[in-house]
């Protein structure tokens, strides 16, 4: 299994003459049964702590995707429970 970072976009809230506020990471995956390659947004602080550590950036992507998957699973479980209203 692998996460490959394909792009890093800096997010500017107050124009390009100001400091960036966050980062959007684009990536592709291989070897996973479930794929969701939507970009992930991380904070400036997260990026600064990991900008020279590709595995750290990959871990941030995985953490974000795990959070999203947990929300999805909870939503599915709630929906399933709503079907049992006999």
N, C-alpha and C. Protein backbone atom coordinates (compact mmCIF):
# COMPACT_ATOMS: atom_id res chain seq x y z
N UNK A 1 0.85 -1.17 0.00
CA UNK A 1 0.00 0.00 0.00
C UNK A 1 0.89 1.23 0.00
N UNK A 2 0.39 2.26 -0.67
CA UNK A 2 1.22 3.46 -0.79
C UNK A 2 0.37 4.70 -1.01
N UNK A 3 0.80 5.80 -0.42
CA UNK A 3 0.24 7.13 -0.67
C UNK A 3 1.37 7.94 -1.31
N UNK A 4 1.11 8.48 -2.48
CA UNK A 4 2.10 9.30 -3.19
C UNK A 4 1.57 10.72 -3.28
N UNK A 5 2.30 11.66 -2.73
CA UNK A 5 1.91 13.07 -2.79
C UNK A 5 2.25 13.59 -4.18
N UNK A 6 1.23 14.15 -4.85
CA UNK A 6 1.42 14.63 -6.22
C UNK A 6 1.43 16.15 -6.33
N UNK A 7 1.02 16.83 -5.27
CA UNK A 7 0.99 18.29 -5.33
C UNK A 7 0.79 18.90 -3.96
N UNK A 8 1.32 20.10 -3.81
CA UNK A 8 1.17 20.87 -2.58
C UNK A 8 0.75 22.27 -2.98
N UNK A 9 -0.45 22.68 -2.57
CA UNK A 9 -0.96 24.02 -2.85
C UNK A 9 -1.07 24.79 -1.54
N UNK A 10 -0.53 25.98 -1.54
CA UNK A 10 -0.60 26.83 -0.37
C UNK A 10 -1.89 27.63 -0.43
N UNK A 11 -2.57 27.73 0.71
CA UNK A 11 -3.86 28.42 0.81
C UNK A 11 -3.63 29.81 1.41
N UNK A 12 -4.09 30.83 0.67
CA UNK A 12 -3.93 32.22 1.11
C UNK A 12 -5.31 32.81 1.36
N UNK A 13 -5.53 33.30 2.56
CA UNK A 13 -6.82 33.91 2.90
C UNK A 13 -6.83 35.42 2.62
N UNK A 14 -5.65 36.04 2.64
CA UNK A 14 -5.57 37.49 2.51
C UNK A 14 -4.72 37.92 1.32
N UNK A 15 -4.72 37.13 0.26
CA UNK A 15 -3.94 37.46 -0.92
C UNK A 15 -2.53 36.90 -0.87
N UNK A 16 -1.91 36.86 -2.02
CA UNK A 16 -0.60 36.23 -2.15
C UNK A 16 0.54 37.05 -1.55
N UNK A 17 0.29 38.28 -1.17
CA UNK A 17 1.33 39.09 -0.55
C UNK A 17 1.44 38.84 0.94
N UNK A 18 0.54 38.05 1.49
CA UNK A 18 0.53 37.73 2.92
C UNK A 18 1.03 36.30 3.13
N UNK A 19 1.19 35.93 4.37
CA UNK A 19 1.58 34.57 4.72
C UNK A 19 0.49 33.58 4.34
N UNK A 20 0.88 32.37 3.97
CA UNK A 20 -0.12 31.34 3.69
C UNK A 20 -0.75 30.88 5.00
N UNK A 21 -2.00 30.43 4.90
CA UNK A 21 -2.76 30.05 6.09
C UNK A 21 -2.87 28.54 6.27
N UNK A 22 -2.71 27.81 5.21
CA UNK A 22 -2.83 26.36 5.26
C UNK A 22 -2.30 25.77 3.97
N UNK A 23 -2.40 24.45 3.86
CA UNK A 23 -1.87 23.74 2.71
C UNK A 23 -2.88 22.67 2.29
N UNK A 24 -3.01 22.51 0.98
CA UNK A 24 -3.83 21.44 0.42
C UNK A 24 -2.87 20.43 -0.21
N UNK A 25 -2.98 19.18 0.19
CA UNK A 25 -2.14 18.11 -0.33
C UNK A 25 -2.94 17.28 -1.32
N UNK A 26 -2.42 17.15 -2.54
CA UNK A 26 -3.01 16.23 -3.51
C UNK A 26 -2.17 14.95 -3.49
N UNK A 27 -2.81 13.84 -3.73
CA UNK A 27 -2.12 12.56 -3.63
C UNK A 27 -2.86 11.52 -4.44
N UNK A 28 -2.19 10.41 -4.69
CA UNK A 28 -2.82 9.22 -5.26
C UNK A 28 -2.46 8.06 -4.34
N UNK A 29 -3.29 7.03 -4.39
CA UNK A 29 -3.03 5.85 -3.58
C UNK A 29 -2.93 4.63 -4.48
N UNK A 30 -2.26 3.61 -3.98
CA UNK A 30 -2.22 2.33 -4.67
C UNK A 30 -2.18 1.23 -3.61
N UNK A 31 -2.83 0.12 -3.94
CA UNK A 31 -2.82 -1.03 -3.04
C UNK A 31 -3.90 -1.04 -1.99
N UNK A 32 -4.78 -0.04 -1.99
CA UNK A 32 -5.89 0.00 -1.05
C UNK A 32 -7.15 -0.50 -1.72
N UNK A 33 -8.01 -1.19 -0.99
CA UNK A 33 -9.27 -1.66 -1.56
C UNK A 33 -10.27 -0.53 -1.72
N UNK A 34 -10.19 0.47 -0.88
CA UNK A 34 -11.08 1.63 -0.94
C UNK A 34 -10.22 2.84 -1.27
N UNK A 35 -10.60 3.56 -2.31
CA UNK A 35 -9.81 4.73 -2.67
C UNK A 35 -10.67 5.98 -2.65
N UNK A 36 -10.10 7.01 -2.12
CA UNK A 36 -10.71 8.34 -2.10
C UNK A 36 -9.55 9.31 -2.19
N UNK A 37 -9.34 9.86 -3.37
CA UNK A 37 -8.18 10.71 -3.59
C UNK A 37 -8.52 12.19 -3.57
N UNK A 38 -9.57 12.57 -2.82
CA UNK A 38 -9.88 13.99 -2.68
C UNK A 38 -8.74 14.67 -1.92
N UNK A 39 -8.38 15.90 -2.30
CA UNK A 39 -7.30 16.60 -1.60
C UNK A 39 -7.59 16.73 -0.10
N UNK A 40 -6.52 16.84 0.66
CA UNK A 40 -6.59 16.97 2.11
C UNK A 40 -6.02 18.33 2.49
N UNK A 41 -6.73 19.04 3.37
CA UNK A 41 -6.23 20.32 3.87
C UNK A 41 -5.62 20.12 5.25
N UNK A 42 -4.43 20.69 5.41
CA UNK A 42 -3.77 20.66 6.71
C UNK A 42 -3.43 22.11 7.10
N UNK A 43 -3.11 22.30 8.36
CA UNK A 43 -2.80 23.64 8.83
C UNK A 43 -1.36 24.02 8.45
N UNK A 44 -1.09 25.29 8.53
CA UNK A 44 0.26 25.79 8.29
C UNK A 44 1.23 25.13 9.27
N UNK A 45 0.82 25.02 10.52
CA UNK A 45 1.67 24.43 11.55
C UNK A 45 1.99 22.97 11.23
N UNK A 46 0.96 22.22 10.80
CA UNK A 46 1.20 20.81 10.45
C UNK A 46 2.19 20.71 9.29
N UNK A 47 2.02 21.59 8.30
CA UNK A 47 2.94 21.56 7.16
C UNK A 47 4.35 21.93 7.60
N UNK A 48 4.49 22.99 8.37
CA UNK A 48 5.82 23.44 8.79
C UNK A 48 6.54 22.34 9.58
N UNK A 49 5.80 21.59 10.40
CA UNK A 49 6.41 20.53 11.20
C UNK A 49 6.84 19.34 10.35
N UNK A 50 6.24 19.18 9.15
CA UNK A 50 6.48 17.98 8.36
C UNK A 50 6.98 18.25 6.94
N UNK A 51 7.27 19.49 6.58
CA UNK A 51 7.59 19.81 5.20
C UNK A 51 8.83 19.09 4.67
N UNK A 52 9.74 18.72 5.52
CA UNK A 52 10.92 17.97 5.07
C UNK A 52 10.80 16.48 5.40
N UNK A 53 9.61 16.06 5.77
CA UNK A 53 9.36 14.68 6.18
C UNK A 53 8.17 14.14 5.37
N UNK A 54 8.47 13.54 4.23
CA UNK A 54 7.39 13.04 3.36
C UNK A 54 6.51 12.03 4.09
N UNK A 55 7.10 11.18 4.90
CA UNK A 55 6.28 10.20 5.63
C UNK A 55 5.38 10.89 6.64
N UNK A 56 5.83 11.99 7.21
CA UNK A 56 4.97 12.76 8.12
C UNK A 56 3.78 13.34 7.38
N UNK A 57 4.00 13.85 6.18
CA UNK A 57 2.89 14.38 5.37
C UNK A 57 1.93 13.25 4.98
N UNK A 58 2.49 12.11 4.61
CA UNK A 58 1.64 10.94 4.28
C UNK A 58 0.80 10.54 5.49
N UNK A 59 1.40 10.56 6.67
CA UNK A 59 0.66 10.19 7.89
C UNK A 59 -0.48 11.17 8.14
N UNK A 60 -0.25 12.46 7.86
CA UNK A 60 -1.33 13.44 8.01
C UNK A 60 -2.47 13.15 7.05
N UNK A 61 -2.15 12.76 5.82
CA UNK A 61 -3.18 12.39 4.85
C UNK A 61 -3.97 11.20 5.36
N UNK A 62 -3.27 10.18 5.83
CA UNK A 62 -3.94 8.98 6.33
C UNK A 62 -4.82 9.32 7.53
N UNK A 63 -4.33 10.14 8.44
CA UNK A 63 -5.14 10.54 9.60
C UNK A 63 -6.43 11.23 9.16
N UNK A 64 -6.33 12.15 8.19
CA UNK A 64 -7.52 12.85 7.68
C UNK A 64 -8.49 11.87 7.05
N UNK A 65 -7.97 10.92 6.28
CA UNK A 65 -8.83 9.94 5.62
C UNK A 65 -9.48 9.00 6.63
N UNK A 66 -8.76 8.65 7.69
CA UNK A 66 -9.36 7.83 8.76
C UNK A 66 -10.50 8.58 9.44
N UNK A 67 -10.30 9.87 9.70
CA UNK A 67 -11.37 10.68 10.29
C UNK A 67 -12.59 10.70 9.38
N UNK A 68 -12.36 10.92 8.08
CA UNK A 68 -13.47 10.94 7.12
C UNK A 68 -14.17 9.58 7.06
N UNK A 69 -13.39 8.50 7.07
CA UNK A 69 -13.98 7.16 7.02
C UNK A 69 -14.82 6.88 8.26
N UNK A 70 -14.36 7.32 9.42
CA UNK A 70 -15.13 7.12 10.65
C UNK A 70 -16.45 7.89 10.62
N UNK A 71 -16.42 9.11 10.10
CA UNK A 71 -17.67 9.87 9.95
C UNK A 71 -18.62 9.14 8.99
N UNK A 72 -18.08 8.63 7.90
CA UNK A 72 -18.88 7.90 6.91
C UNK A 72 -19.49 6.64 7.54
N UNK A 73 -18.69 5.90 8.29
CA UNK A 73 -19.19 4.69 8.95
C UNK A 73 -20.29 5.05 9.94
N UNK A 74 -20.10 6.09 10.73
CA UNK A 74 -21.14 6.52 11.67
C UNK A 74 -22.41 6.92 10.95
N UNK A 75 -22.27 7.66 9.85
CA UNK A 75 -23.45 8.04 9.06
C UNK A 75 -24.19 6.82 8.53
N UNK A 76 -23.44 5.84 8.03
CA UNK A 76 -24.06 4.62 7.52
C UNK A 76 -24.77 3.86 8.63
N UNK A 77 -24.15 3.77 9.81
CA UNK A 77 -24.78 3.08 10.93
C UNK A 77 -26.05 3.78 11.38
N UNK A 78 -26.02 5.10 11.42
CA UNK A 78 -27.23 5.84 11.78
C UNK A 78 -28.34 5.60 10.76
N UNK A 79 -27.98 5.59 9.49
CA UNK A 79 -28.97 5.34 8.46
C UNK A 79 -29.53 3.92 8.60
N UNK A 80 -28.65 2.97 8.82
CA UNK A 80 -29.10 1.58 8.98
C UNK A 80 -30.04 1.44 10.16
N UNK A 81 -29.72 2.11 11.27
CA UNK A 81 -30.59 2.08 12.44
C UNK A 81 -31.94 2.69 12.14
N UNK A 82 -31.97 3.72 11.30
CA UNK A 82 -33.24 4.35 10.95
C UNK A 82 -34.14 3.43 10.12
N UNK A 83 -33.54 2.43 9.50
CA UNK A 83 -34.32 1.49 8.70
C UNK A 83 -35.05 0.47 9.56
N UNK A 84 -34.65 0.35 10.80
CA UNK A 84 -35.24 -0.62 11.73
C UNK A 84 -36.37 0.02 12.56
N UNK A 85 -37.18 0.82 11.95
CA UNK A 85 -38.28 1.49 12.66
C UNK A 85 -39.60 0.81 12.35
N UNK A 86 -39.65 -0.49 12.59
CA UNK A 86 -40.90 -1.25 12.29
C UNK A 86 -41.99 -0.91 13.25
